Amino acid sequence: MAELAHVLRQVPLPGDPRLLVGAGEGDDAAVWRVDTGRALVATADFFTPIVDDARAWGAIAAANALSDVYAMGGTPLFALNLAGWPRERLPLDLLAEVLAGGAEVAAEAGCVVAGGHTIDAHEPTYGLAVVGEAHPDRLLTHRGARPGDRLVLTKPLGTGLLATALKRDRLDALQLAPAVQVMRALNADASAAALAHGVRSATDVTGFGLLGHLHRLLLASGVGATLGADAVPALDLALELAAEGVVAGGSRRNLEAAQAYATFEPFVTEPERLLLADAQTSGGLLLAVPPAAHAGLVAALRAAGTPAAATIGTVTDAPAGTIAVRRGSA
C-alpha cells in the first residue's frame, strides 16, 4: 500500500468537476457524472492465475473486476477483456477456456463482454475493464463512515492462504473448492442490500487484506474502528494454514504495514493477525452500516444467500485510520 501511494503521489490528479470519484480518493472505482441522475462507474482489474483450472480462473478474475463496481453501489453494464498470453508456451484453446469463464460470470451479472485486447506476455494474465452506472447521490464510497456504524463483512477471509497452499502443494483442488466458490460469487446482492438499507460507505476486500482496506476507508472518513478477532468469518483451513506459515509474501507485507495504524490485544494470535492481513482475491464487501439499519441489513444479506455475512466491528471516534483489534466481538 505504501509503495502504491508513493507512485500515485507522482501522478498529477485531474480536476474536472464531473469526476466525482478518482485516483485522489483511493476508492474502488472511478465515478463520472453524466447528468443529475446518472453517473458512470469504471474500473479495471487483472492478475495471473491463482487456481489450476483455466475456466475457474477466468470466472474468478471477472467476479473480482465486477466487484469494484458493486463496491461503489453501481450496476455493471459492459466490460472489455484484458489478457496477456504466452502463446509459444500455452495453447490458445486454454485462453478460450479463461475467456469463457469470464463471460459466464459476466452474464450472471447482466454485463455484456463487448470485446477486449490481448497481448503476448511472459506469463498468463486476465481480467476485465468494466463500465457500470450508479445514481450520483447514492454512491458507496470510502468517505461516509460515522462513529457508531457497525462493520459488516459479507464473505469469509482466507482465499489468499488457501491459494498459497495450492501453489505449495499443501492442499488439492478439492480442498480449494470452497475458496473457489467464494471467489467466484458476485457481490451484486450485497451491494443492492446495502443501498436499500441506507449504507453510504463501503469497500471490497482484496489485495491489501481486511486491515488495509478498512484502514483506507477509515482514513477517508476521518474515523477509527474496533474489530473483534473472533467475529471475523474464515474459510475452513485458513487459520490452520496461517499457523503453519503457509502465507504469501504480500500478506506478510500487509501485516507489517498494519503496524503503523493497528493495535492488537495480546490474546489476538499470530494466525488471526495474518488472517486479517491475508491478501484476498474477489473478497466480500466491507460495509459501514448505520446502527438503525444494521439488523435489517444483516437479515437481508442472509436471506439473499450471503450466509457468511457477519458483524465484525464498530466505527469509533478514534484517530482517523486507526484500528483496535480485540478478542471477542467489538
Protein backbone atom coordinates (compact mmCIF):
# COMPACT_ATOMS: atom_id res chain seq x y z
CA MET A 1 0.00 0.00 0.00
CA ALA A 2 2.81 2.43 0.88
CA GLU A 3 4.59 1.69 -2.40
CA LEU A 4 1.42 2.40 -4.39
CA ALA A 5 0.85 5.66 -2.52
CA HIS A 6 4.42 6.71 -3.33
CA VAL A 7 3.83 6.11 -7.04
CA LEU A 8 0.45 7.88 -7.13
CA ARG A 9 1.90 10.97 -5.43
CA GLN A 10 3.99 11.48 -8.58
CA VAL A 11 0.99 11.36 -10.91
CA PRO A 12 -0.95 14.60 -11.50
CA LEU A 13 -4.59 14.40 -10.46
CA PRO A 14 -7.42 15.53 -12.79
CA GLY A 15 -9.53 18.50 -11.74
CA ASP A 16 -12.69 18.04 -13.79
CA PRO A 17 -15.83 18.62 -11.64
CA ARG A 18 -17.62 15.81 -13.47
CA LEU A 19 -15.17 13.33 -11.93
CA LEU A 20 -16.97 12.57 -8.67
CA VAL A 21 -14.50 9.90 -7.51
CA GLY A 22 -10.99 9.49 -8.91
CA ALA A 23 -7.48 8.40 -8.01
CA GLY A 24 -7.17 11.07 -5.33
CA GLU A 25 -9.87 9.43 -3.21
CA GLY A 26 -8.33 5.94 -3.28
CA ASP A 27 -11.76 4.38 -3.82
CA ASP A 28 -12.57 1.15 -5.62
CA ALA A 29 -13.55 2.65 -9.00
CA ALA A 30 -13.77 5.97 -10.79
CA VAL A 31 -17.15 7.72 -10.99
CA TRP A 32 -18.06 10.23 -13.74
CA ARG A 33 -21.25 12.30 -13.51
CA VAL A 34 -23.27 12.19 -16.75
CA ASP A 35 -26.21 14.28 -15.50
CA THR A 36 -28.13 14.92 -12.28
CA GLY A 37 -29.47 11.38 -12.11
CA ARG A 38 -26.77 9.26 -13.74
CA ALA A 39 -23.10 8.50 -13.23
CA LEU A 40 -20.74 6.06 -14.90
CA VAL A 41 -18.58 3.78 -12.73
CA ALA A 42 -15.38 2.49 -14.36
CA THR A 43 -12.66 0.11 -13.21
CA ALA A 44 -10.05 -2.35 -14.47
CA ASP A 45 -8.51 -5.35 -12.73
CA PHE A 46 -6.44 -8.34 -13.86
CA PHE A 47 -3.98 -10.84 -12.43
CA THR A 48 -2.04 -14.05 -13.06
CA PRO A 49 -3.59 -17.48 -12.34
CA ILE A 50 -4.39 -18.32 -8.73
CA VAL A 51 -6.02 -21.71 -9.45
CA ASP A 52 -5.10 -24.51 -11.84
CA ASP A 53 -8.42 -24.67 -13.68
CA ALA A 54 -8.44 -22.14 -16.56
CA ARG A 55 -12.20 -21.64 -16.63
CA ALA A 56 -12.35 -21.14 -12.86
CA TRP A 57 -9.53 -18.59 -13.05
CA GLY A 58 -11.44 -16.65 -15.72
CA ALA A 59 -14.60 -16.70 -13.63
CA ILE A 60 -12.77 -15.52 -10.50
CA ALA A 61 -10.96 -12.74 -12.36
CA ALA A 62 -14.25 -11.49 -13.81
CA ALA A 63 -16.01 -11.54 -10.44
CA ASN A 64 -13.06 -9.70 -8.92
CA ALA A 65 -13.22 -6.89 -11.50
CA LEU A 66 -17.00 -6.60 -11.30
CA SER A 67 -16.73 -6.29 -7.52
CA ASP A 68 -15.22 -2.80 -7.79
CA VAL A 69 -18.43 -1.56 -9.42
CA TYR A 70 -20.60 -3.21 -6.76
CA ALA A 71 -18.39 -1.71 -4.04
CA MET A 72 -19.34 1.75 -5.34
CA GLY A 73 -23.06 0.95 -5.38
CA GLY A 74 -23.10 0.56 -9.15
CA THR A 75 -24.58 -1.89 -11.66
CA PRO A 76 -22.21 -3.28 -14.34
CA LEU A 77 -23.21 -2.51 -17.94
CA PHE A 78 -20.46 -3.84 -20.19
CA ALA A 79 -16.86 -5.00 -19.99
CA LEU A 80 -13.75 -5.49 -22.10
CA ASN A 81 -11.41 -8.47 -21.74
CA LEU A 82 -7.79 -7.72 -20.83
CA ALA A 83 -5.43 -10.63 -21.44
CA GLY A 84 -1.73 -11.32 -21.71
CA TRP A 85 -0.85 -14.74 -23.12
CA PRO A 86 2.41 -16.68 -23.68
CA ARG A 87 1.24 -18.22 -26.95
CA GLU A 88 4.55 -20.02 -27.52
CA ARG A 89 4.12 -21.95 -24.27
CA LEU A 90 0.38 -22.27 -23.71
CA PRO A 91 -2.28 -23.28 -26.27
CA LEU A 92 -4.82 -20.70 -27.35
CA ASP A 93 -7.57 -23.21 -26.55
CA LEU A 94 -6.64 -22.68 -22.90
CA LEU A 95 -7.10 -18.92 -23.32
CA ALA A 96 -10.53 -19.66 -24.77
CA GLU A 97 -11.39 -21.50 -21.55
CA VAL A 98 -10.29 -18.49 -19.49
CA LEU A 99 -12.41 -16.12 -21.57
CA ALA A 100 -15.38 -18.49 -21.36
CA GLY A 101 -15.15 -18.49 -17.57
CA GLY A 102 -15.09 -14.70 -17.53
CA ALA A 103 -18.03 -14.45 -19.93
CA GLU A 104 -20.03 -16.88 -17.81
CA VAL A 105 -19.74 -14.75 -14.68
CA ALA A 106 -20.28 -11.51 -16.60
CA ALA A 107 -23.51 -12.96 -17.97
CA GLU A 108 -24.63 -13.78 -14.41
CA ALA A 109 -24.06 -10.09 -13.62
CA GLY A 110 -26.08 -8.99 -16.64
CA CYS A 111 -22.89 -7.45 -18.02
CA VAL A 112 -22.07 -7.66 -21.73
CA VAL A 113 -18.47 -8.54 -22.66
CA ALA A 114 -18.16 -6.33 -25.72
CA GLY A 115 -14.59 -7.08 -26.83
CA GLY A 116 -11.14 -6.53 -25.41
CA HIS A 117 -7.42 -6.65 -26.06
CA THR A 118 -4.81 -9.40 -25.86
CA ILE A 119 -1.01 -9.10 -25.95
CA ASP A 120 1.91 -11.52 -25.94
CA ALA A 121 3.22 -11.89 -22.40
CA HIS A 122 5.75 -13.94 -20.44
CA GLU A 123 3.02 -15.26 -18.14
CA PRO A 124 -0.76 -15.51 -18.50
CA THR A 125 -2.76 -12.55 -17.22
CA TYR A 126 -6.50 -11.96 -17.37
CA GLY A 127 -9.14 -9.57 -16.13
CA LEU A 128 -11.74 -7.04 -17.20
CA ALA A 129 -12.21 -3.34 -17.70
CA VAL A 130 -15.78 -2.69 -16.54
CA VAL A 131 -18.18 0.21 -17.04
CA GLY A 132 -21.26 0.44 -14.86
CA GLU A 133 -23.82 3.01 -13.78
CA ALA A 134 -25.00 4.44 -10.48
CA HIS A 135 -27.02 7.34 -9.14
CA PRO A 136 -24.58 10.12 -8.22
CA ASP A 137 -26.41 10.75 -4.94
CA ARG A 138 -26.50 7.08 -3.92
CA LEU A 139 -22.86 6.03 -4.15
CA LEU A 140 -20.99 3.78 -1.75
CA THR A 141 -17.64 5.46 -1.09
CA HIS A 142 -14.84 5.44 1.46
CA ARG A 143 -15.92 8.78 2.88
CA GLY A 144 -19.26 8.02 4.53
CA ALA A 145 -18.46 6.04 7.70
CA ARG A 146 -19.56 7.62 11.01
CA PRO A 147 -18.88 6.76 14.67
CA GLY A 148 -21.37 4.14 15.83
CA ASP A 149 -21.70 2.46 12.42
CA ARG A 150 -21.41 -1.31 12.57
CA LEU A 151 -18.89 -3.01 10.29
CA VAL A 152 -20.34 -5.91 8.30
CA LEU A 153 -18.23 -8.27 6.14
CA THR A 154 -20.09 -10.29 3.51
CA LYS A 155 -17.57 -13.05 2.66
CA PRO A 156 -15.17 -15.12 4.79
CA LEU A 157 -11.43 -14.41 4.72
CA GLY A 158 -8.70 -16.86 3.77
CA THR A 159 -8.66 -17.10 -0.02
CA GLY A 160 -5.05 -15.93 -0.13
CA LEU A 161 -3.96 -18.55 2.38
CA LEU A 162 -5.69 -21.38 0.52
CA ALA A 163 -4.41 -20.26 -2.89
CA THR A 164 -0.88 -20.10 -1.47
CA ALA A 165 -1.29 -23.59 -0.06
CA LEU A 166 -2.31 -24.85 -3.51
CA LYS A 167 0.81 -23.34 -5.07
CA ARG A 168 2.97 -25.01 -2.42
CA ASP A 169 1.25 -28.40 -2.88
CA ARG A 170 -0.18 -28.26 0.64
CA LEU A 171 -3.75 -28.95 -0.50
CA ASP A 172 -5.52 -30.22 -3.59
CA ALA A 173 -8.23 -28.80 -5.86
CA LEU A 174 -11.00 -30.46 -3.86
CA GLN A 175 -9.85 -28.76 -0.65
CA LEU A 176 -9.62 -25.45 -2.53
CA ALA A 177 -13.17 -25.78 -3.90
CA PRO A 178 -14.87 -23.77 -1.08
CA ALA A 179 -12.47 -20.88 -1.70
CA VAL A 180 -13.15 -21.01 -5.45
CA GLN A 181 -16.88 -20.85 -4.76
CA VAL A 182 -16.39 -17.80 -2.53
CA MET A 183 -14.15 -16.01 -5.06
CA ARG A 184 -16.47 -16.75 -7.96
CA ALA A 185 -19.55 -15.38 -6.17
CA LEU A 186 -20.71 -11.91 -7.21
CA ASN A 187 -21.18 -9.08 -4.71
CA ALA A 188 -24.33 -7.94 -6.52
CA ASP A 189 -26.86 -8.91 -3.83
CA ALA A 190 -24.70 -7.46 -1.06
CA SER A 191 -24.41 -4.14 -2.88
CA ALA A 192 -28.15 -3.95 -3.55
CA ALA A 193 -28.96 -4.77 0.07
CA ALA A 194 -26.53 -2.10 1.29
CA LEU A 195 -28.13 0.57 -0.88
CA ALA A 196 -31.63 -0.49 0.15
CA HIS A 197 -30.71 -0.06 3.84
CA GLY A 198 -29.13 3.37 3.55
CA VAL A 199 -25.46 2.38 3.64
CA ARG A 200 -23.20 5.10 2.26
CA SER A 201 -19.69 3.78 2.93
CA ALA A 202 -18.18 0.54 1.67
CA THR A 203 -15.18 -1.11 0.07
CA ASP A 204 -14.36 -4.56 -1.21
CA VAL A 205 -11.63 -6.61 0.44
CA THR A 206 -8.90 -7.61 -1.98
CA GLY A 207 -5.10 -7.41 -2.15
CA PHE A 208 -4.47 -5.17 0.87
CA GLY A 209 -6.38 -7.53 3.16
CA LEU A 210 -9.16 -6.63 5.57
CA LEU A 211 -6.93 -4.40 7.69
CA GLY A 212 -5.55 -2.48 4.73
CA HIS A 213 -8.88 -1.83 3.06
CA LEU A 214 -10.56 -0.91 6.34
CA HIS A 215 -7.72 1.50 7.09
CA ARG A 216 -8.25 3.28 3.77
CA LEU A 217 -11.99 3.62 4.39
CA LEU A 218 -11.48 4.92 7.93
CA LEU A 219 -8.81 7.38 6.85
CA ALA A 220 -11.07 8.84 4.15
CA SER A 221 -13.95 9.13 6.63
CA GLY A 222 -11.83 10.64 9.41
CA VAL A 223 -12.73 7.91 11.93
CA GLY A 224 -11.27 4.84 13.65
CA ALA A 225 -12.65 1.37 14.41
CA THR A 226 -12.53 -1.63 16.68
CA LEU A 227 -12.51 -5.17 15.29
CA GLY A 228 -13.41 -8.38 17.08
CA ALA A 229 -10.94 -11.08 16.03
CA ASP A 230 -13.37 -13.85 16.98
CA ALA A 231 -16.15 -12.29 14.92
CA VAL A 232 -14.34 -12.33 11.56
CA PRO A 233 -15.53 -15.26 9.38
CA ALA A 234 -12.82 -17.52 7.94
CA LEU A 235 -12.71 -20.32 5.41
CA ASP A 236 -12.02 -23.81 6.73
CA LEU A 237 -8.27 -24.50 6.99
CA ALA A 238 -7.35 -20.79 6.76
CA LEU A 239 -6.23 -20.34 10.37
CA GLU A 240 -4.56 -23.75 10.35
CA LEU A 241 -2.53 -22.81 7.27
CA ALA A 242 -1.61 -19.45 8.81
CA ALA A 243 -0.36 -21.25 11.92
CA GLU A 244 1.79 -23.48 9.71
CA GLY A 245 3.33 -20.45 7.99
CA VAL A 246 1.72 -21.07 4.60
CA VAL A 247 1.41 -17.34 3.98
CA ALA A 248 2.06 -15.30 0.83
CA GLY A 249 4.69 -12.58 0.92
CA GLY A 250 2.08 -9.95 0.10
CA SER A 251 0.02 -10.89 3.14
CA ARG A 252 3.06 -10.64 5.39
CA ARG A 253 3.79 -7.20 3.96
CA ASN A 254 0.18 -6.22 4.64
CA LEU A 255 0.59 -7.18 8.30
CA GLU A 256 3.88 -5.35 8.55
CA ALA A 257 2.29 -2.21 7.10
CA ALA A 258 -0.61 -2.51 9.56
CA GLN A 259 1.74 -1.97 12.50
CA ALA A 260 1.56 1.75 11.66
CA TYR A 261 -2.19 2.00 12.28
CA ALA A 262 -3.46 -1.16 14.01
CA THR A 263 -3.06 -2.28 17.62
CA PHE A 264 -3.66 -5.85 18.76
CA GLU A 265 -4.64 -7.11 22.18
CA PRO A 266 -2.10 -9.68 23.41
CA PHE A 267 -4.64 -12.51 23.16
CA VAL A 268 -5.10 -11.98 19.40
CA THR A 269 -2.93 -14.77 17.98
CA GLU A 270 -0.43 -14.51 15.15
CA PRO A 271 -2.56 -16.70 12.85
CA GLU A 272 -5.55 -14.41 13.49
CA ARG A 273 -3.42 -11.36 12.66
CA LEU A 274 -2.25 -12.99 9.45
CA LEU A 275 -5.85 -13.81 8.52
CA LEU A 276 -6.83 -10.15 8.96
CA ALA A 277 -3.96 -9.16 6.64
CA ASP A 278 -4.48 -12.00 4.15
CA ALA A 279 -4.47 -10.72 0.56
CA GLN A 280 -7.87 -11.65 -0.81
CA THR A 281 -8.99 -12.20 -4.38
CA SER A 282 -12.61 -11.32 -5.17
CA GLY A 283 -13.35 -10.83 -1.49
CA GLY A 284 -16.56 -9.62 0.09
CA LEU A 285 -17.87 -6.13 0.70
CA LEU A 286 -16.98 -4.37 3.93
CA LEU A 287 -19.92 -2.14 4.86
CA ALA A 288 -20.18 0.66 7.44
CA VAL A 289 -23.83 0.33 8.47
CA PRO A 290 -25.82 2.95 10.42
CA PRO A 291 -26.99 1.39 13.72
CA ALA A 292 -30.70 1.69 12.92
CA ALA A 293 -30.24 -0.26 9.69
CA HIS A 294 -27.87 -2.91 11.00
CA ALA A 295 -30.26 -5.70 12.00
CA GLY A 296 -32.35 -5.33 8.85
CA LEU A 297 -29.31 -5.37 6.58
CA VAL A 298 -27.81 -8.50 8.14
CA ALA A 299 -31.16 -10.28 7.81
CA ALA A 300 -31.45 -9.14 4.18
CA LEU A 301 -27.94 -10.34 3.37
CA ARG A 302 -28.60 -13.79 4.78
CA ALA A 303 -31.96 -14.02 3.02
CA ALA A 304 -30.22 -13.11 -0.27
CA GLY A 305 -27.81 -16.04 0.01
CA THR A 306 -24.90 -14.44 1.86
CA PRO A 307 -24.75 -16.79 4.85
CA ALA A 308 -21.24 -15.77 5.92
CA ALA A 309 -22.23 -12.12 6.43
CA ALA A 310 -21.00 -11.14 9.88
CA THR A 311 -20.78 -8.07 12.09
CA ILE A 312 -17.08 -7.75 12.85
CA GLY A 313 -16.62 -4.35 14.47
CA THR A 314 -17.69 -0.79 15.14
CA VAL A 315 -16.66 2.60 13.77
CA THR A 316 -15.36 4.89 16.53
CA ASP A 317 -14.18 8.45 17.02
CA ALA A 318 -10.59 7.27 17.45
CA PRO A 319 -7.87 8.94 15.32
CA ALA A 320 -8.51 8.64 11.58
CA GLY A 321 -7.47 5.31 10.08
CA THR A 322 -6.66 3.55 13.36
CA ILE A 323 -7.90 0.05 14.16
CA ALA A 324 -8.01 -1.63 17.58
CA VAL A 325 -8.21 -5.42 17.25
CA ARG A 326 -9.65 -7.12 20.31
CA ARG A 327 -10.55 -10.60 21.44
CA GLY A 328 -14.26 -11.32 21.04
CA SER A 329 -16.88 -9.07 19.50
CA ALA A 330 -16.14 -5.39 19.03
